[in-house]
């Protein structure tokens, strides 16, 4: 690829914006293709956080109706108006 060869022979300071964009695009495509089949490790897989902490995250589960939840929020989490 002639663009690739011409970019490789230039210093970064002398590159045009177009050359820099081409270089960045090439590097990103290369990294993505190299990492395409590599499974990604999540923070939970890393062992850095205790399972008890991770268990506190997730979807909200509540058997109450929407109206009951909203009522509970308004009753318990608002400051009463002073008279």
Protein backbone atom coordinates (compact mmCIF):
# COMPACT_ATOMS: atom_id res chain seq x y z
CA UNK A 1 0.00 0.00 0.00
CA UNK A 2 1.68 3.20 -1.13
CA UNK A 3 -0.04 5.40 1.46
CA UNK A 4 1.22 3.11 4.21
CA UNK A 5 4.78 3.24 2.94
CA UNK A 6 4.78 7.00 2.51
CA UNK A 7 3.39 7.49 6.01
CA UNK A 8 5.96 5.19 7.57
CA UNK A 9 8.83 7.19 6.11
CA UNK A 10 7.56 10.55 7.49
CA UNK A 11 8.05 11.95 10.95
CA UNK A 12 4.88 12.77 12.88
CA UNK A 13 5.65 16.49 12.82
CA UNK A 14 5.75 16.62 9.05
CA UNK A 15 2.53 14.64 8.52
CA UNK A 16 -0.60 16.33 7.27
CA UNK A 17 -3.92 15.90 9.02
CA UNK A 18 -5.00 13.50 6.29
CA UNK A 19 -1.83 11.42 6.75
CA UNK A 20 -2.40 11.29 10.52
CA UNK A 21 -6.01 10.21 10.06
CA UNK A 22 -4.90 7.47 7.66
CA UNK A 23 -2.24 6.30 10.11
CA UNK A 24 -4.70 6.24 13.02
CA UNK A 25 -7.28 4.38 10.93
CA UNK A 26 -4.65 1.82 9.92
CA UNK A 27 -3.44 1.29 13.50
CA UNK A 28 -6.98 0.92 14.85
CA UNK A 29 -7.90 -1.58 12.12
CA UNK A 30 -4.74 -3.57 12.83
CA UNK A 31 -5.38 -3.65 16.60
CA UNK A 32 -9.01 -4.63 16.10
CA UNK A 33 -8.11 -7.44 13.71
CA UNK A 34 -5.44 -8.75 16.11
CA UNK A 35 -7.82 -8.66 19.08
CA UNK A 36 -10.90 -9.90 17.24
CA UNK A 37 -10.66 -13.46 18.55
CA UNK A 38 -9.24 -12.60 21.96
CA UNK A 39 -11.85 -12.93 24.69
CA UNK A 40 -12.21 -9.72 26.64
CA UNK A 41 -11.67 -9.85 30.35
CA UNK A 42 -14.20 -8.00 32.45
CA UNK A 43 -13.45 -6.45 35.81
CA UNK A 44 -15.43 -9.23 37.46
CA UNK A 45 -13.21 -11.82 35.73
CA UNK A 46 -10.06 -10.07 36.90
CA UNK A 47 -10.48 -11.04 40.55
CA UNK A 48 -9.87 -7.43 41.61
CA UNK A 49 -13.30 -7.06 43.21
CA UNK A 50 -14.78 -9.42 45.80
CA UNK A 51 -17.83 -11.43 44.67
CA UNK A 52 -19.86 -10.01 47.56
CA UNK A 53 -19.37 -6.51 46.17
CA UNK A 54 -20.20 -7.58 42.61
CA UNK A 55 -23.39 -9.27 43.85
CA UNK A 56 -24.76 -5.84 44.79
CA UNK A 57 -24.93 -4.86 41.10
CA UNK A 58 -27.57 -5.93 38.63
CA UNK A 59 -31.16 -5.43 37.59
CA UNK A 60 -33.63 -4.03 40.08
CA UNK A 61 -36.04 -6.67 41.30
CA UNK A 62 -39.21 -5.68 43.12
CA UNK A 63 -42.60 -7.37 43.34
CA UNK A 64 -44.43 -4.07 43.90
CA UNK A 65 -46.27 -2.26 41.14
CA UNK A 66 -44.89 0.92 39.59
CA UNK A 67 -47.41 2.97 41.53
CA UNK A 68 -46.40 1.37 44.84
CA UNK A 69 -42.71 2.02 44.19
CA UNK A 70 -43.35 5.66 43.24
CA UNK A 71 -45.54 6.15 46.31
CA UNK A 72 -42.82 4.68 48.52
CA UNK A 73 -40.23 7.02 47.01
CA UNK A 74 -42.37 10.10 47.58
CA UNK A 75 -43.33 9.07 51.12
CA UNK A 76 -39.81 8.24 52.29
CA UNK A 77 -37.45 10.40 50.29
CA UNK A 78 -38.92 13.87 50.28
CA UNK A 79 -38.68 16.66 52.81
CA UNK A 80 -42.08 17.58 54.22
CA UNK A 81 -43.20 21.12 53.48
CA UNK A 82 -42.86 23.34 56.53
CA UNK A 83 -45.97 25.19 57.66
